[in-house]
Amino acid sequence: YSVNFPRMRPAQNEGFKPNCLVTDRELAQ
């Protein structure tokens, strides 16, 4: 098994905004 923690990135789909921004420290945590 493997796990991934992709954070929201800008995409070519205008208008959508993430519900939160996961910080670098939170990604590390």
mmCIF file of all heavy atoms, coordinates in Angstrom:
data_MODEL
# 
_entry.id   MODEL 
# 
loop_
_atom_site.group_PDB 
_atom_site.id 
_atom_site.type_symbol 
_atom_site.label_atom_id 
_atom_site.label_alt_id 
_atom_site.label_comp_id 
_atom_site.label_asym_id 
_atom_site.label_entity_id 
_atom_site.label_seq_id 
_atom_site.pdbx_PDB_ins_code 
_atom_site.Cartn_x 
_atom_site.Cartn_y 
_atom_site.Cartn_z 
_atom_site.occupancy 
_atom_site.B_iso_or_equiv 
_atom_site.pdbx_formal_charge 
_atom_site.auth_seq_id 
_atom_site.auth_comp_id 
_atom_site.auth_asym_id 
_atom_site.auth_atom_id 
_atom_site.pdbx_PDB_model_num 
ATOM 1   N N   . TYR A 1 1  ? 0.825   -1.213 0.000   1.00 0.00 ? 1  TYR A N   1 
ATOM 2   C CA  . TYR A 1 1  ? 0.000   0.000  0.000   1.00 0.00 ? 1  TYR A CA  1 
ATOM 3   C C   . TYR A 1 1  ? 0.861   1.266  0.000   1.00 0.00 ? 1  TYR A C   1 
ATOM 4   O O   . TYR A 1 1  ? 1.949   1.302  0.575   1.00 0.00 ? 1  TYR A O   1 
ATOM 5   C CB  . TYR A 1 1  ? -0.932  0.013  1.215   1.00 0.00 ? 1  TYR A CB  1 
ATOM 6   C CG  . TYR A 1 1  ? -1.956  -1.093 1.145   1.00 0.00 ? 1  TYR A CG  1 
ATOM 7   C CD1 . TYR A 1 1  ? -1.728  -2.309 1.775   1.00 0.00 ? 1  TYR A CD1 1 
ATOM 8   C CD2 . TYR A 1 1  ? -3.127  -0.937 0.409   1.00 0.00 ? 1  TYR A CD2 1 
ATOM 9   C CE1 . TYR A 1 1  ? -2.639  -3.345 1.685   1.00 0.00 ? 1  TYR A CE1 1 
ATOM 10  C CE2 . TYR A 1 1  ? -4.049  -1.966 0.318   1.00 0.00 ? 1  TYR A CE2 1 
ATOM 11  C CZ  . TYR A 1 1  ? -3.802  -3.170 0.952   1.00 0.00 ? 1  TYR A CZ  1 
ATOM 12  O OH  . TYR A 1 1  ? -4.707  -4.195 0.841   1.00 0.00 ? 1  TYR A OH  1 
ATOM 13  N N   . SER A 1 2  ? 0.331   2.285  -0.659  1.00 0.00 ? 2  SER A N   1 
ATOM 14  C CA  . SER A 1 2  ? 0.959   3.600  -0.634  1.00 0.00 ? 2  SER A CA  1 
ATOM 15  C C   . SER A 1 2  ? -0.115  4.637  -0.365  1.00 0.00 ? 2  SER A C   1 
ATOM 16  O O   . SER A 1 2  ? -1.298  4.428  -0.653  1.00 0.00 ? 2  SER A O   1 
ATOM 17  C CB  . SER A 1 2  ? 1.672   3.904  -1.955  1.00 0.00 ? 2  SER A CB  1 
ATOM 18  O OG  . SER A 1 2  ? 0.745   4.021  -3.017  1.00 0.00 ? 2  SER A OG  1 
ATOM 19  N N   . VAL A 1 3  ? 0.306   5.766  0.207   1.00 0.00 ? 3  VAL A N   1 
ATOM 20  C CA  . VAL A 1 3  ? -0.625  6.857  0.485   1.00 0.00 ? 3  VAL A CA  1 
ATOM 21  C C   . VAL A 1 3  ? -0.071  8.147  -0.116  1.00 0.00 ? 3  VAL A C   1 
ATOM 22  O O   . VAL A 1 3  ? 1.143   8.325  -0.244  1.00 0.00 ? 3  VAL A O   1 
ATOM 23  C CB  . VAL A 1 3  ? -0.868  7.043  2.002   1.00 0.00 ? 3  VAL A CB  1 
ATOM 24  C CG1 . VAL A 1 3  ? -1.600  5.849  2.588   1.00 0.00 ? 3  VAL A CG1 1 
ATOM 25  C CG2 . VAL A 1 3  ? 0.439   7.290  2.736   1.00 0.00 ? 3  VAL A CG2 1 
ATOM 26  N N   . ASN A 1 4  ? -0.989  9.013  -0.499  1.00 0.00 ? 4  ASN A N   1 
ATOM 27  C CA  . ASN A 1 4  ? -0.649  10.298 -1.100  1.00 0.00 ? 4  ASN A CA  1 
ATOM 28  C C   . ASN A 1 4  ? -1.424  11.399 -0.386  1.00 0.00 ? 4  ASN A C   1 
ATOM 29  O O   . ASN A 1 4  ? -2.566  11.194 0.012   1.00 0.00 ? 4  ASN A O   1 
ATOM 30  C CB  . ASN A 1 4  ? -1.035  10.316 -2.583  1.00 0.00 ? 4  ASN A CB  1 
ATOM 31  C CG  . ASN A 1 4  ? -0.392  9.186  -3.376  1.00 0.00 ? 4  ASN A CG  1 
ATOM 32  O OD1 . ASN A 1 4  ? 0.622   9.377  -4.026  1.00 0.00 ? 4  ASN A OD1 1 
ATOM 33  N ND2 . ASN A 1 4  ? -0.982  7.993  -3.322  1.00 0.00 ? 4  ASN A ND2 1 
ATOM 34  N N   . PHE A 1 5  ? -0.828  12.560 -0.263  1.00 0.00 ? 5  PHE A N   1 
ATOM 35  C CA  . PHE A 1 5  ? -1.488  13.709 0.354   1.00 0.00 ? 5  PHE A CA  1 
ATOM 36  C C   . PHE A 1 5  ? -1.451  14.902 -0.596  1.00 0.00 ? 5  PHE A C   1 
ATOM 37  O O   . PHE A 1 5  ? -0.852  15.940 -0.291  1.00 0.00 ? 5  PHE A O   1 
ATOM 38  C CB  . PHE A 1 5  ? -0.806  14.070 1.677   1.00 0.00 ? 5  PHE A CB  1 
ATOM 39  C CG  . PHE A 1 5  ? -0.725  12.933 2.656   1.00 0.00 ? 5  PHE A CG  1 
ATOM 40  C CD1 . PHE A 1 5  ? 0.502   12.374 2.979   1.00 0.00 ? 5  PHE A CD1 1 
ATOM 41  C CD2 . PHE A 1 5  ? -1.867  12.426 3.242   1.00 0.00 ? 5  PHE A CD2 1 
ATOM 42  C CE1 . PHE A 1 5  ? 0.583   11.325 3.878   1.00 0.00 ? 5  PHE A CE1 1 
ATOM 43  C CE2 . PHE A 1 5  ? -1.799  11.383 4.146   1.00 0.00 ? 5  PHE A CE2 1 
ATOM 44  C CZ  . PHE A 1 5  ? -0.565  10.821 4.463   1.00 0.00 ? 5  PHE A CZ  1 
ATOM 45  N N   . PRO A 1 6  ? -2.079  14.792 -1.763  1.00 0.00 ? 6  PRO A N   1 
ATOM 46  C CA  . PRO A 1 6  ? -2.043  15.920 -2.705  1.00 0.00 ? 6  PRO A CA  1 
ATOM 47  C C   . PRO A 1 6  ? -2.834  17.104 -2.169  1.00 0.00 ? 6  PRO A C   1 
ATOM 48  O O   . PRO A 1 6  ? -3.965  16.963 -1.711  1.00 0.00 ? 6  PRO A O   1 
ATOM 49  C CB  . PRO A 1 6  ? -2.700  15.339 -3.964  1.00 0.00 ? 6  PRO A CB  1 
ATOM 50  C CG  . PRO A 1 6  ? -3.618  14.269 -3.432  1.00 0.00 ? 6  PRO A CG  1 
ATOM 51  C CD  . PRO A 1 6  ? -2.890  13.668 -2.265  1.00 0.00 ? 6  PRO A CD  1 
ATOM 52  N N   . ARG A 1 7  ? -2.219  18.274 -2.217  1.00 0.00 ? 7  ARG A N   1 
ATOM 53  C CA  . ARG A 1 7  ? -2.930  19.494 -1.836  1.00 0.00 ? 7  ARG A CA  1 
ATOM 54  C C   . ARG A 1 7  ? -3.540  20.123 -3.075  1.00 0.00 ? 7  ARG A C   1 
ATOM 55  O O   . ARG A 1 7  ? -3.037  19.965 -4.186  1.00 0.00 ? 7  ARG A O   1 
ATOM 56  C CB  . ARG A 1 7  ? -1.969  20.483 -1.171  1.00 0.00 ? 7  ARG A CB  1 
ATOM 57  C CG  . ARG A 1 7  ? -1.438  20.005 0.153   1.00 0.00 ? 7  ARG A CG  1 
ATOM 58  C CD  . ARG A 1 7  ? -0.659  21.091 0.871   1.00 0.00 ? 7  ARG A CD  1 
ATOM 59  N NE  . ARG A 1 7  ? 0.629   21.376 0.252   1.00 0.00 ? 7  ARG A NE  1 
ATOM 60  C CZ  . ARG A 1 7  ? 1.486   22.281 0.707   1.00 0.00 ? 7  ARG A CZ  1 
ATOM 61  N NH1 . ARG A 1 7  ? 1.180   22.990 1.781   1.00 0.00 ? 7  ARG A NH1 1 
ATOM 62  N NH2 . ARG A 1 7  ? 2.644   22.486 0.104   1.00 0.00 ? 7  ARG A NH2 1 
ATOM 63  N N   . MET A 1 8  ? -4.637  20.825 -2.877  1.00 0.00 ? 8  MET A N   1 
ATOM 64  C CA  . MET A 1 8  ? -5.292  21.501 -3.988  1.00 0.00 ? 8  MET A CA  1 
ATOM 65  C C   . MET A 1 8  ? -4.308  22.426 -4.685  1.00 0.00 ? 8  MET A C   1 
ATOM 66  O O   . MET A 1 8  ? -3.586  23.185 -4.046  1.00 0.00 ? 8  MET A O   1 
ATOM 67  C CB  . MET A 1 8  ? -6.488  22.315 -3.499  1.00 0.00 ? 8  MET A CB  1 
ATOM 68  C CG  . MET A 1 8  ? -7.634  21.495 -2.942  1.00 0.00 ? 8  MET A CG  1 
ATOM 69  S SD  . MET A 1 8  ? -8.474  20.488 -4.174  1.00 0.00 ? 8  MET A SD  1 
ATOM 70  C CE  . MET A 1 8  ? -9.075  21.724 -5.315  1.00 0.00 ? 8  MET A CE  1 
ATOM 71  N N   . ARG A 1 9  ? -4.292  22.341 -6.012  1.00 0.00 ? 9  ARG A N   1 
ATOM 72  C CA  . ARG A 1 9  ? -3.448  23.191 -6.831  1.00 0.00 ? 9  ARG A CA  1 
ATOM 73  C C   . ARG A 1 9  ? -4.324  23.937 -7.830  1.00 0.00 ? 9  ARG A C   1 
ATOM 74  O O   . ARG A 1 9  ? -5.417  23.469 -8.171  1.00 0.00 ? 9  ARG A O   1 
ATOM 75  C CB  . ARG A 1 9  ? -2.432  22.344 -7.613  1.00 0.00 ? 9  ARG A CB  1 
ATOM 76  C CG  . ARG A 1 9  ? -1.390  21.650 -6.761  1.00 0.00 ? 9  ARG A CG  1 
ATOM 77  C CD  . ARG A 1 9  ? -0.353  22.621 -6.254  1.00 0.00 ? 9  ARG A CD  1 
ATOM 78  N NE  . ARG A 1 9  ? 0.274   23.350 -7.363  1.00 0.00 ? 9  ARG A NE  1 
ATOM 79  C CZ  . ARG A 1 9  ? 0.817   24.541 -7.248  1.00 0.00 ? 9  ARG A CZ  1 
ATOM 80  N NH1 . ARG A 1 9  ? 0.795   25.164 -6.094  1.00 0.00 ? 9  ARG A NH1 1 
ATOM 81  N NH2 . ARG A 1 9  ? 1.369   25.138 -8.286  1.00 0.00 ? 9  ARG A NH2 1 
ATOM 82  N N   . PRO A 1 10 ? -3.875  25.105 -8.320  1.00 0.00 ? 10 PRO A N   1 
ATOM 83  C CA  . PRO A 1 10 ? -4.647  25.784 -9.367  1.00 0.00 ? 10 PRO A CA  1 
ATOM 84  C C   . PRO A 1 10 ? -4.834  24.867 -10.584 1.00 0.00 ? 10 PRO A C   1 
ATOM 85  O O   . PRO A 1 10 ? -3.930  24.142 -10.962 1.00 0.00 ? 10 PRO A O   1 
ATOM 86  C CB  . PRO A 1 10 ? -3.759  26.981 -9.719  1.00 0.00 ? 10 PRO A CB  1 
ATOM 87  C CG  . PRO A 1 10 ? -2.934  27.215 -8.506  1.00 0.00 ? 10 PRO A CG  1 
ATOM 88  C CD  . PRO A 1 10 ? -2.681  25.856 -7.918  1.00 0.00 ? 10 PRO A CD  1 
ATOM 89  N N   . ALA A 1 11 ? -6.020  24.889 -11.152 1.00 0.00 ? 11 ALA A N   1 
ATOM 90  C CA  . ALA A 1 11 ? -6.322  24.070 -12.324 1.00 0.00 ? 11 ALA A CA  1 
ATOM 91  C C   . ALA A 1 11 ? -7.028  24.925 -13.353 1.00 0.00 ? 11 ALA A C   1 
ATOM 92  O O   . ALA A 1 11 ? -7.474  26.045 -13.069 1.00 0.00 ? 11 ALA A O   1 
ATOM 93  C CB  . ALA A 1 11 ? -7.197  22.870 -11.936 1.00 0.00 ? 11 ALA A CB  1 
ATOM 94  N N   . GLN A 1 12 ? -7.147  24.385 -14.566 1.00 0.00 ? 12 GLN A N   1 
ATOM 95  C CA  . GLN A 1 12 ? -7.809  25.118 -15.637 1.00 0.00 ? 12 GLN A CA  1 
ATOM 96  C C   . GLN A 1 12 ? -9.327  24.952 -15.514 1.00 0.00 ? 12 GLN A C   1 
ATOM 97  O O   . GLN A 1 12 ? -9.994  24.464 -16.404 1.00 0.00 ? 12 GLN A O   1 
ATOM 98  C CB  . GLN A 1 12 ? -7.302  24.599 -16.986 1.00 0.00 ? 12 GLN A CB  1 
ATOM 99  C CG  . GLN A 1 12 ? -5.806  24.757 -17.170 1.00 0.00 ? 12 GLN A CG  1 
ATOM 100 C CD  . GLN A 1 12 ? -5.372  26.204 -17.205 1.00 0.00 ? 12 GLN A CD  1 
ATOM 101 O OE1 . GLN A 1 12 ? -6.131  27.070 -17.618 1.00 0.00 ? 12 GLN A OE1 1 
ATOM 102 N NE2 . GLN A 1 12 ? -4.151  26.482 -16.785 1.00 0.00 ? 12 GLN A NE2 1 
ATOM 103 N N   . ASN A 1 13 ? -9.854  25.310 -14.366 1.00 0.00 ? 13 ASN A N   1 
ATOM 104 C CA  . ASN A 1 13 ? -11.287 25.233 -14.111 1.00 0.00 ? 13 ASN A CA  1 
ATOM 105 C C   . ASN A 1 13 ? -11.650 26.432 -13.241 1.00 0.00 ? 13 ASN A C   1 
ATOM 106 O O   . ASN A 1 13 ? -11.729 26.338 -12.018 1.00 0.00 ? 13 ASN A O   1 
ATOM 107 C CB  . ASN A 1 13 ? -11.651 23.913 -13.425 1.00 0.00 ? 13 ASN A CB  1 
ATOM 108 C CG  . ASN A 1 13 ? -13.101 23.553 -13.663 1.00 0.00 ? 13 ASN A CG  1 
ATOM 109 O OD1 . ASN A 1 13 ? -13.682 23.908 -14.678 1.00 0.00 ? 13 ASN A OD1 1 
ATOM 110 N ND2 . ASN A 1 13 ? -13.690 22.834 -12.733 1.00 0.00 ? 13 ASN A ND2 1 
ATOM 111 N N   . GLU A 1 14 ? -11.819 27.565 -13.869 1.00 0.00 ? 14 GLU A N   1 
ATOM 112 C CA  . GLU A 1 14 ? -11.980 28.818 -13.145 1.00 0.00 ? 14 GLU A CA  1 
ATOM 113 C C   . GLU A 1 14 ? -13.242 28.813 -12.281 1.00 0.00 ? 14 GLU A C   1 
ATOM 114 O O   . GLU A 1 14 ? -14.259 28.234 -12.634 1.00 0.00 ? 14 GLU A O   1 
ATOM 115 C CB  . GLU A 1 14 ? -12.026 29.978 -14.137 1.00 0.00 ? 14 GLU A CB  1 
ATOM 116 C CG  . GLU A 1 14 ? -10.720 30.169 -14.920 1.00 0.00 ? 14 GLU A CG  1 
ATOM 117 C CD  . GLU A 1 14 ? -10.793 31.338 -15.870 1.00 0.00 ? 14 GLU A CD  1 
ATOM 118 O OE1 . GLU A 1 14 ? -11.817 32.049 -15.853 1.00 0.00 ? 14 GLU A OE1 1 
ATOM 119 O OE2 . GLU A 1 14 ? -9.830  31.536 -16.626 1.00 0.00 ? 14 GLU A OE2 1 
ATOM 120 N N   . GLY A 1 15 ? -13.134 29.467 -11.147 1.00 0.00 ? 15 GLY A N   1 
ATOM 121 C CA  . GLY A 1 15 ? -14.301 29.636 -10.293 1.00 0.00 ? 15 GLY A CA  1 
ATOM 122 C C   . GLY A 1 15 ? -14.283 28.778 -9.044  1.00 0.00 ? 15 GLY A C   1 
ATOM 123 O O   . GLY A 1 15 ? -14.930 29.121 -8.055  1.00 0.00 ? 15 GLY A O   1 
ATOM 124 N N   . PHE A 1 16 ? -13.540 27.645 -9.060  1.00 0.00 ? 16 PHE A N   1 
ATOM 125 C CA  . PHE A 1 16 ? -13.525 26.794 -7.876  1.00 0.00 ? 16 PHE A CA  1 
ATOM 126 C C   . PHE A 1 16 ? -12.427 27.243 -6.922  1.00 0.00 ? 16 PHE A C   1 
ATOM 127 O O   . PHE A 1 16 ? -11.286 27.460 -7.317  1.00 0.00 ? 16 PHE A O   1 
ATOM 128 C CB  . PHE A 1 16 ? -13.302 25.331 -8.238  1.00 0.00 ? 16 PHE A CB  1 
ATOM 129 C CG  . PHE A 1 16 ? -13.281 24.434 -7.023  1.00 0.00 ? 16 PHE A CG  1 
ATOM 130 C CD1 . PHE A 1 16 ? -14.465 24.059 -6.418  1.00 0.00 ? 16 PHE A CD1 1 
ATOM 131 C CD2 . PHE A 1 16 ? -12.080 24.020 -6.480  1.00 0.00 ? 16 PHE A CD2 1 
ATOM 132 C CE1 . PHE A 1 16 ? -14.452 23.260 -5.283  1.00 0.00 ? 16 PHE A CE1 1 
ATOM 133 C CE2 . PHE A 1 16 ? -12.053 23.228 -5.350  1.00 0.00 ? 16 PHE A CE2 1 
ATOM 134 C CZ  . PHE A 1 16 ? -13.245 22.841 -4.752  1.00 0.00 ? 16 PHE A CZ  1 
ATOM 135 N N   . LYS A 1 17 ? -12.795 27.358 -5.657  1.00 0.00 ? 17 LYS A N   1 
ATOM 136 C CA  . LYS A 1 17 ? -11.851 27.720 -4.617  1.00 0.00 ? 17 LYS A CA  1 
ATOM 137 C C   . LYS A 1 17 ? -11.823 26.612 -3.565  1.00 0.00 ? 17 LYS A C   1 
ATOM 138 O O   . LYS A 1 17 ? -12.885 26.128 -3.144  1.00 0.00 ? 17 LYS A O   1 
ATOM 139 C CB  . LYS A 1 17 ? -12.240 29.041 -3.946  1.00 0.00 ? 17 LYS A CB  1 
ATOM 140 C CG  . LYS A 1 17 ? -12.317 30.232 -4.892  1.00 0.00 ? 17 LYS A CG  1 
ATOM 141 C CD  . LYS A 1 17 ? -10.958 30.577 -5.462  1.00 0.00 ? 17 LYS A CD  1 
ATOM 142 C CE  . LYS A 1 17 ? -11.047 31.801 -6.350  1.00 0.00 ? 17 LYS A CE  1 
ATOM 143 N NZ  . LYS A 1 17 ? -9.741  32.096 -7.012  1.00 0.00 ? 17 LYS A NZ  1 
ATOM 144 N N   . PRO A 1 18 ? -10.636 26.200 -3.124  1.00 0.00 ? 18 PRO A N   1 
ATOM 145 C CA  . PRO A 1 18 ? -10.554 25.180 -2.065  1.00 0.00 ? 18 PRO A CA  1 
ATOM 146 C C   . PRO A 1 18 ? -11.282 25.649 -0.807  1.00 0.00 ? 18 PRO A C   1 
ATOM 147 O O   . PRO A 1 18 ? -11.358 26.850 -0.530  1.00 0.00 ? 18 PRO A O   1 
ATOM 148 C CB  . PRO A 1 18 ? -9.046  25.039 -1.825  1.00 0.00 ? 18 PRO A CB  1 
ATOM 149 C CG  . PRO A 1 18 ? -8.405  25.548 -3.066  1.00 0.00 ? 18 PRO A CG  1 
ATOM 150 C CD  . PRO A 1 18 ? -9.313  26.625 -3.590  1.00 0.00 ? 18 PRO A CD  1 
ATOM 151 N N   . ASN A 1 19 ? -11.798 24.700 -0.049  1.00 0.00 ? 19 ASN A N   1 
ATOM 152 C CA  . ASN A 1 19 ? -12.480 25.035 1.200   1.00 0.00 ? 19 ASN A CA  1 
ATOM 153 C C   . ASN A 1 19 ? -11.495 25.389 2.308   1.00 0.00 ? 19 ASN A C   1 
ATOM 154 O O   . ASN A 1 19 ? -11.873 25.986 3.318   1.00 0.00 ? 19 ASN A O   1 
ATOM 155 C CB  . ASN A 1 19 ? -13.368 23.871 1.635   1.00 0.00 ? 19 ASN A CB  1 
ATOM 156 C CG  . ASN A 1 19 ? -14.644 23.815 0.813   1.00 0.00 ? 19 ASN A CG  1 
ATOM 157 O OD1 . ASN A 1 19 ? -15.378 24.790 0.718   1.00 0.00 ? 19 ASN A OD1 1 
ATOM 158 N ND2 . ASN A 1 19 ? -14.900 22.675 0.196   1.00 0.00 ? 19 ASN A ND2 1 
ATOM 159 N N   . CYS A 1 20 ? -10.248 24.989 2.140   1.00 0.00 ? 20 CYS A N   1 
ATOM 160 C CA  . CYS A 1 20 ? -9.200  25.414 3.063   1.00 0.00 ? 20 CYS A CA  1 
ATOM 161 C C   . CYS A 1 20 ? -7.858  25.262 2.354   1.00 0.00 ? 20 CYS A C   1 
ATOM 162 O O   . CYS A 1 20 ? -7.756  24.554 1.352   1.00 0.00 ? 20 CYS A O   1 
ATOM 163 C CB  . CYS A 1 20 ? -9.216  24.602 4.367   1.00 0.00 ? 20 CYS A CB  1 
ATOM 164 S SG  . CYS A 1 20 ? -8.643  22.906 4.186   1.00 0.00 ? 20 CYS A SG  1 
ATOM 165 N N   . LEU A 1 21 ? -6.867  25.956 2.866   1.00 0.00 ? 21 LEU A N   1 
ATOM 166 C CA  . LEU A 1 21 ? -5.511  25.840 2.342   1.00 0.00 ? 21 LEU A CA  1 
ATOM 167 C C   . LEU A 1 21 ? -4.666  25.125 3.383   1.00 0.00 ? 21 LEU A C   1 
ATOM 168 O O   . LEU A 1 21 ? -4.498  25.622 4.507   1.00 0.00 ? 21 LEU A O   1 
ATOM 169 C CB  . LEU A 1 21 ? -4.933  27.218 2.030   1.00 0.00 ? 21 LEU A CB  1 
ATOM 170 C CG  . LEU A 1 21 ? -5.611  27.974 0.884   1.00 0.00 ? 21 LEU A CG  1 
ATOM 171 C CD1 . LEU A 1 21 ? -5.007  29.368 0.745   1.00 0.00 ? 21 LEU A CD1 1 
ATOM 172 C CD2 . LEU A 1 21 ? -5.484  27.200 -0.426  1.00 0.00 ? 21 LEU A CD2 1 
ATOM 173 N N   . VAL A 1 22 ? -4.174  23.954 3.044   1.00 0.00 ? 22 VAL A N   1 
ATOM 174 C CA  . VAL A 1 22 ? -3.345  23.177 3.960   1.00 0.00 ? 22 VAL A CA  1 
ATOM 175 C C   . VAL A 1 22 ? -1.928  23.733 3.903   1.00 0.00 ? 22 VAL A C   1 
ATOM 176 O O   . VAL A 1 22 ? -1.308  23.788 2.839   1.00 0.00 ? 22 VAL A O   1 
ATOM 177 C CB  . VAL A 1 22 ? -3.369  21.687 3.576   1.00 0.00 ? 22 VAL A CB  1 
ATOM 178 C CG1 . VAL A 1 22 ? -2.436  20.885 4.474   1.00 0.00 ? 22 VAL A CG1 1 
ATOM 179 C CG2 . VAL A 1 22 ? -4.797  21.146 3.675   1.00 0.00 ? 22 VAL A CG2 1 
ATOM 180 N N   . THR A 1 23 ? -1.425  24.155 5.042   1.00 0.00 ? 23 THR A N   1 
ATOM 181 C CA  . THR A 1 23 ? -0.119  24.796 5.099   1.00 0.00 ? 23 THR A CA  1 
ATOM 182 C C   . THR A 1 23 ? 1.007   23.762 4.966   1.00 0.00 ? 23 THR A C   1 
ATOM 183 O O   . THR A 1 23 ? 0.787   22.548 5.084   1.00 0.00 ? 23 THR A O   1 
ATOM 184 C CB  . THR A 1 23 ? 0.065   25.556 6.418   1.00 0.00 ? 23 THR A CB  1 
ATOM 185 O OG1 . THR A 1 23 ? 0.123   24.605 7.501   1.00 0.00 ? 23 THR A OG1 1 
ATOM 186 C CG2 . THR A 1 23 ? -1.076  26.532 6.653   1.00 0.00 ? 23 THR A CG2 1 
ATOM 187 N N   . ASP A 1 24 ? 2.219   24.257 4.775   1.00 0.00 ? 24 ASP A N   1 
ATOM 188 C CA  . ASP A 1 24 ? 3.374   23.368 4.688   1.00 0.00 ? 24 ASP A CA  1 
ATOM 189 C C   . ASP A 1 24 ? 3.574   22.598 5.990   1.00 0.00 ? 24 ASP A C   1 
ATOM 190 O O   . ASP A 1 24 ? 3.889   21.402 5.977   1.00 0.00 ? 24 ASP A O   1 
ATOM 191 C CB  . ASP A 1 24 ? 4.637   24.177 4.374   1.00 0.00 ? 24 ASP A CB  1 
ATOM 192 C CG  . ASP A 1 24 ? 4.573   24.852 3.009   1.00 0.00 ? 24 ASP A CG  1 
ATOM 193 O OD1 . ASP A 1 24 ? 3.731   24.455 2.188   1.00 0.00 ? 24 ASP A OD1 1 
ATOM 194 O OD2 . ASP A 1 24 ? 5.371   25.791 2.782   1.00 0.00 ? 24 ASP A OD2 1 
ATOM 195 N N   . ARG A 1 25 ? 3.394   23.273 7.105   1.00 0.00 ? 25 ARG A N   1 
ATOM 196 C CA  . ARG A 1 25 ? 3.553   22.594 8.407   1.00 0.00 ? 25 ARG A CA  1 
ATOM 197 C C   . ARG A 1 25 ? 2.485   21.520 8.597   1.00 0.00 ? 25 ARG A C   1 
ATOM 198 O O   . ARG A 1 25 ? 2.754   20.458 9.153   1.00 0.00 ? 25 ARG A O   1 
ATOM 199 C CB  . ARG A 1 25 ? 3.487   23.614 9.553   1.00 0.00 ? 25 ARG A CB  1 
ATOM 200 C CG  . ARG A 1 25 ? 4.756   24.455 9.679   1.00 0.00 ? 25 ARG A CG  1 
ATOM 201 C CD  . ARG A 1 25 ? 4.626   25.478 10.802  1.00 0.00 ? 25 ARG A CD  1 
ATOM 202 N NE  . ARG A 1 25 ? 4.478   24.840 12.107  1.00 0.00 ? 25 ARG A NE  1 
ATOM 203 C CZ  . ARG A 1 25 ? 5.500   24.405 12.841  1.00 0.00 ? 25 ARG A CZ  1 
ATOM 204 N NH1 . ARG A 1 25 ? 6.739   24.521 12.399  1.00 0.00 ? 25 ARG A NH1 1 
ATOM 205 N NH2 . ARG A 1 25 ? 5.279   23.866 14.024  1.00 0.00 ? 25 ARG A NH2 1 
ATOM 206 N N   . GLU A 1 26 ? 1.273   21.791 8.141   1.00 0.00 ? 26 GLU A N   1 
ATOM 207 C CA  . GLU A 1 26 ? 0.211   20.790 8.265   1.00 0.00 ? 26 GLU A CA  1 
ATOM 208 C C   . GLU A 1 26 ? 0.475   19.592 7.359   1.00 0.00 ? 26 GLU A C   1 
ATOM 209 O O   . GLU A 1 26 ? 0.199   18.449 7.738   1.00 0.00 ? 26 GLU A O   1 
ATOM 210 C CB  . GLU A 1 26 ? -1.138  21.440 7.947   1.00 0.00 ? 26 GLU A CB  1 
ATOM 211 C CG  . GLU A 1 26 ? -1.595  22.404 9.036   1.00 0.00 ? 26 GLU A CG  1 
ATOM 212 C CD  . GLU A 1 26 ? -2.786  23.243 8.614   1.00 0.00 ? 26 GLU A CD  1 
ATOM 213 O OE1 . GLU A 1 26 ? -3.020  23.416 7.394   1.00 0.00 ? 26 GLU A OE1 1 
ATOM 214 O OE2 . GLU A 1 26 ? -3.483  23.763 9.514   1.00 0.00 ? 26 GLU A OE2 1 
ATOM 215 N N   . LEU A 1 27 ? 0.999   19.847 6.164   1.00 0.00 ? 27 LEU A N   1 
ATOM 216 C CA  . LEU A 1 27 ? 1.362   18.739 5.283   1.00 0.00 ? 27 LEU A CA  1 
ATOM 217 C C   . LEU A 1 27 ? 2.453   17.889 5.929   1.00 0.00 ? 27 LEU A C   1 
ATOM 218 O O   . LEU A 1 27 ? 2.404   16.654 5.886   1.00 0.00 ? 27 LEU A O   1 
ATOM 219 C CB  . LEU A 1 27 ? 1.838   19.269 3.933   1.00 0.00 ? 27 LEU A CB  1 
ATOM 220 C CG  . LEU A 1 27 ? 2.323   18.207 2.930   1.00 0.00 ? 27 LEU A CG  1 
ATOM 221 C CD1 . LEU A 1 27 ? 1.188   17.265 2.542   1.00 0.00 ? 27 LEU A CD1 1 
ATOM 222 C CD2 . LEU A 1 27 ? 2.913   18.873 1.682   1.00 0.00 ? 27 LEU A CD2 1 
ATOM 223 N N   . ALA A 1 28 ? 3.442   18.542 6.530   1.00 0.00 ? 28 ALA A N   1 
ATOM 224 C CA  . ALA A 1 28 ? 4.491   17.806 7.237   1.00 0.00 ? 28 ALA A CA  1 
ATOM 225 C C   . ALA A 1 28 ? 3.899   17.004 8.391   1.00 0.00 ? 28 ALA A C   1 
ATOM 226 O O   . ALA A 1 28 ? 4.256   15.836 8.602   1.00 0.00 ? 28 ALA A O   1 
ATOM 227 C CB  . ALA A 1 28 ? 5.555   18.777 7.748   1.00 0.00 ? 28 ALA A CB  1 
ATOM 228 N N   . GLN A 1 29 ? 2.966   17.609 9.123   1.00 0.00 ? 29 GLN A N   1 
ATOM 229 C CA  . GLN A 1 29 ? 2.370   16.929 10.271  1.00 0.00 ? 29 GLN A CA  1 
ATOM 230 C C   . GLN A 1 29 ? 1.657   15.651 9.864   1.00 0.00 ? 29 GLN A C   1 
ATOM 231 O O   . GLN A 1 29 ? 1.844   14.597 10.497  1.00 0.00 ? 29 GLN A O   1 
ATOM 232 C CB  . GLN A 1 29 ? 1.387   17.860 10.986  1.00 0.00 ? 29 GLN A CB  1 
ATOM 233 C CG  . GLN A 1 29 ? 0.719   17.228 12.197  1.00 0.00 ? 29 GLN A CG  1 
ATOM 234 C CD  . GLN A 1 29 ? -0.277  18.155 12.873  1.00 0.00 ? 29 GLN A CD  1 
ATOM 235 O OE1 . GLN A 1 29 ? -0.428  19.323 12.493  1.00 0.00 ? 29 GLN A OE1 1 
ATOM 236 N NE2 . GLN A 1 29 ? -0.965  17.653 13.891  1.00 0.00 ? 29 GLN A NE2 1 
# 
